[in-house]
Amino acid sequence: MGLDHRPALRSGRRHRGVYRRAVIVVIYFEHHKITTKGNWHVGTVWPFRGCEVEMHEEGFSCTCKKRPTTKCNHIKSVELGLLGVGQQYWK
């Protein structure tokens, strides 16, 4: 039979695999009572089990989800801690 049914390689090149680059998308969440622009906490990282919350000029970010759509409980607890909610003051 002599016919080769394999697809011909273009210009003699080998087929190369496609490598995908990991794209990290950081989504910032703002708080209506905490001004993060110019705040002295900017750059501070609050560690939690398995993730970290960081304050940026644009707002708060967390590493617990790959593509967050809403604020996670880690960010909410940091915001409440900064506002002083739920803290006990001893005399």
C-alpha atoms as a PDB file:
ATOM      1  CA  MET A   1       0.000   0.000   0.000  1.00  0.00           C
ATOM      2  CA  GLY A   2       2.791   2.505   0.633  1.00  0.00           C
ATOM      3  CA  LEU A   3       0.526   5.426   1.560  1.00  0.00           C
ATOM      4  CA  ASP A   4       1.289   7.107   4.867  1.00  0.00           C
ATOM      5  CA  HIS A   5      -1.865   8.368   6.579  1.00  0.00           C
ATOM      6  CA  ARG A   6      -0.052  10.299   9.337  1.00  0.00           C
ATOM      7  CA  PRO A   7      -0.399  14.088   9.213  1.00  0.00           C
ATOM      8  CA  ALA A   8       2.598  15.800   7.691  1.00  0.00           C
ATOM      9  CA  LEU A   9       4.700  17.993   9.956  1.00  0.00           C
ATOM     10  CA  ARG A  10       4.963  21.561   8.752  1.00  0.00           C
ATOM     11  CA  SER A  11       8.450  22.563   7.726  1.00  0.00           C
ATOM     12  CA  GLY A  12       9.940  19.597   9.528  1.00  0.00           C
ATOM     13  CA  ARG A  13       9.219  20.899  13.055  1.00  0.00           C
ATOM     14  CA  ARG A  14       8.261  18.671  15.893  1.00  0.00           C
ATOM     15  CA  HIS A  15       4.966  19.181  17.653  1.00  0.00           C
ATOM     16  CA  ARG A  16       5.542  21.123  20.849  1.00  0.00           C
ATOM     17  CA  GLY A  17       3.281  21.051  23.869  1.00  0.00           C
ATOM     18  CA  VAL A  18       1.497  24.201  24.922  1.00  0.00           C
ATOM     19  CA  TYR A  19       2.543  25.442  28.326  1.00  0.00           C
ATOM     20  CA  ARG A  20       0.121  27.579  30.250  1.00  0.00           C
ATOM     21  CA  ARG A  21       1.377  30.260  32.557  1.00  0.00           C
ATOM     22  CA  ALA A  22      -0.148  30.583  35.988  1.00  0.00           C
ATOM     23  CA  VAL A  23      -1.900  33.926  36.189  1.00  0.00           C
ATOM     24  CA  ILE A  24      -2.437  35.255  39.683  1.00  0.00           C
ATOM     25  CA  VAL A  25      -5.395  37.588  39.925  1.00  0.00           C
ATOM     26  CA  VAL A  26      -5.619  39.637  43.100  1.00  0.00           C
ATOM     27  CA  ILE A  27      -9.032  41.032  43.940  1.00  0.00           C
ATOM     28  CA  TYR A  28      -9.247  43.757  46.553  1.00  0.00           C
ATOM     29  CA  PHE A  29     -12.227  44.277  48.840  1.00  0.00           C
ATOM     30  CA  GLU A  30     -12.881  47.703  50.339  1.00  0.00           C
ATOM     31  CA  HIS A  31     -14.588  48.552  53.615  1.00  0.00           C
ATOM     32  CA  HIS A  32     -16.891  51.534  53.899  1.00  0.00           C
ATOM     33  CA  LYS A  33     -15.513  52.659  57.302  1.00  0.00           C
ATOM     34  CA  ILE A  34     -11.820  51.783  56.925  1.00  0.00           C
ATOM     35  CA  THR A  35      -9.722  54.047  54.686  1.00  0.00           C
ATOM     36  CA  THR A  36      -6.881  51.954  53.315  1.00  0.00           C
ATOM     37  CA  LYS A  37      -5.334  54.679  51.149  1.00  0.00           C
ATOM     38  CA  GLY A  38      -2.347  55.985  53.099  1.00  0.00           C
ATOM     39  CA  ASN A  39      -3.131  53.856  56.162  1.00  0.00           C
ATOM     40  CA  TRP A  40      -0.185  52.803  58.328  1.00  0.00           C
ATOM     41  CA  HIS A  41      -1.427  49.184  58.238  1.00  0.00           C
ATOM     42  CA  VAL A  42      -0.790  48.943  54.462  1.00  0.00           C
ATOM     43  CA  GLY A  43       1.485  45.977  53.842  1.00  0.00           C
ATOM     44  CA  THR A  44       0.525  44.241  57.084  1.00  0.00           C
ATOM     45  CA  VAL A  45      -0.182  40.520  56.747  1.00  0.00           C
ATOM     46  CA  TRP A  46      -2.517  38.712  59.142  1.00  0.00           C
ATOM     47  CA  PRO A  47      -1.844  34.946  59.052  1.00  0.00           C
ATOM     48  CA  PHE A  48      -4.696  32.466  59.372  1.00  0.00           C
ATOM     49  CA  ARG A  49      -4.671  28.702  59.081  1.00  0.00           C
ATOM     50  CA  GLY A  50      -3.882  28.033  55.423  1.00  0.00           C
ATOM     51  CA  CYS A  51      -4.191  31.611  54.161  1.00  0.00           C
ATOM     52  CA  GLU A  52      -3.125  35.199  54.702  1.00  0.00           C
ATOM     53  CA  VAL A  53      -5.005  38.505  54.677  1.00  0.00           C
ATOM     54  CA  GLU A  54      -3.086  41.566  53.523  1.00  0.00           C
ATOM     55  CA  MET A  55      -4.024  45.229  53.480  1.00  0.00           C
ATOM     56  CA  HIS A  56      -3.193  47.087  50.259  1.00  0.00           C
ATOM     57  CA  GLU A  57      -3.790  50.662  49.154  1.00  0.00           C
ATOM     58  CA  GLU A  58      -6.799  49.388  47.172  1.00  0.00           C
ATOM     59  CA  GLY A  59      -8.318  47.295  49.989  1.00  0.00           C
ATOM     60  CA  PHE A  60      -7.964  43.856  51.565  1.00  0.00           C
ATOM     61  CA  SER A  61      -6.934  40.642  49.812  1.00  0.00           C
ATOM     62  CA  CYS A  62      -6.928  37.026  50.981  1.00  0.00           C
ATOM     63  CA  THR A  63      -5.175  33.936  49.629  1.00  0.00           C
ATOM     64  CA  CYS A  64      -7.830  31.392  50.638  1.00  0.00           C
ATOM     65  CA  LYS A  65      -9.688  31.338  47.294  1.00  0.00           C
ATOM     66  CA  LYS A  66      -8.421  31.283  43.740  1.00  0.00           C
ATOM     67  CA  ARG A  67     -11.126  33.529  42.295  1.00  0.00           C
ATOM     68  CA  PRO A  68     -12.983  35.292  45.109  1.00  0.00           C
ATOM     69  CA  THR A  69     -16.287  36.968  44.313  1.00  0.00           C
ATOM     70  CA  THR A  70     -17.286  38.034  47.827  1.00  0.00           C
ATOM     71  CA  LYS A  71     -15.442  38.824  51.033  1.00  0.00           C
ATOM     72  CA  CYS A  72     -14.343  35.758  52.950  1.00  0.00           C
ATOM     73  CA  ASN A  73     -14.677  35.425  56.718  1.00  0.00           C
ATOM     74  CA  HIS A  74     -10.928  36.007  57.130  1.00  0.00           C
ATOM     75  CA  ILE A  75     -11.196  39.530  55.696  1.00  0.00           C
ATOM     76  CA  LYS A  76     -14.336  40.220  57.725  1.00  0.00           C
ATOM     77  CA  SER A  77     -12.650  39.196  60.974  1.00  0.00           C
ATOM     78  CA  VAL A  78      -9.625  41.429  60.277  1.00  0.00           C
ATOM     79  CA  GLU A  79     -11.937  44.365  59.514  1.00  0.00           C
ATOM     80  CA  LEU A  80     -13.922  43.813  62.700  1.00  0.00           C
ATOM     81  CA  GLY A  81     -10.707  43.542  64.698  1.00  0.00           C
ATOM     82  CA  LEU A  82      -9.466  46.855  63.295  1.00  0.00           C
ATOM     83  CA  LEU A  83     -12.771  48.491  64.188  1.00  0.00           C
ATOM     84  CA  GLY A  84     -12.634  47.087  67.733  1.00  0.00           C
ATOM     85  CA  VAL A  85     -15.838  45.076  67.503  1.00  0.00           C
ATOM     86  CA  GLY A  86     -16.099  42.182  69.960  1.00  0.00           C
ATOM     87  CA  GLN A  87     -13.057  43.137  72.024  1.00  0.00           C
ATOM     88  CA  GLN A  88     -13.249  43.227  75.792  1.00  0.00           C
ATOM     89  CA  TYR A  89     -11.681  46.098  77.662  1.00  0.00           C
ATOM     90  CA  TRP A  90     -10.569  45.397  81.214  1.00  0.00           C
ATOM     91  CA  LYS A  91     -10.522  48.111  83.855  1.00  0.00           C
END
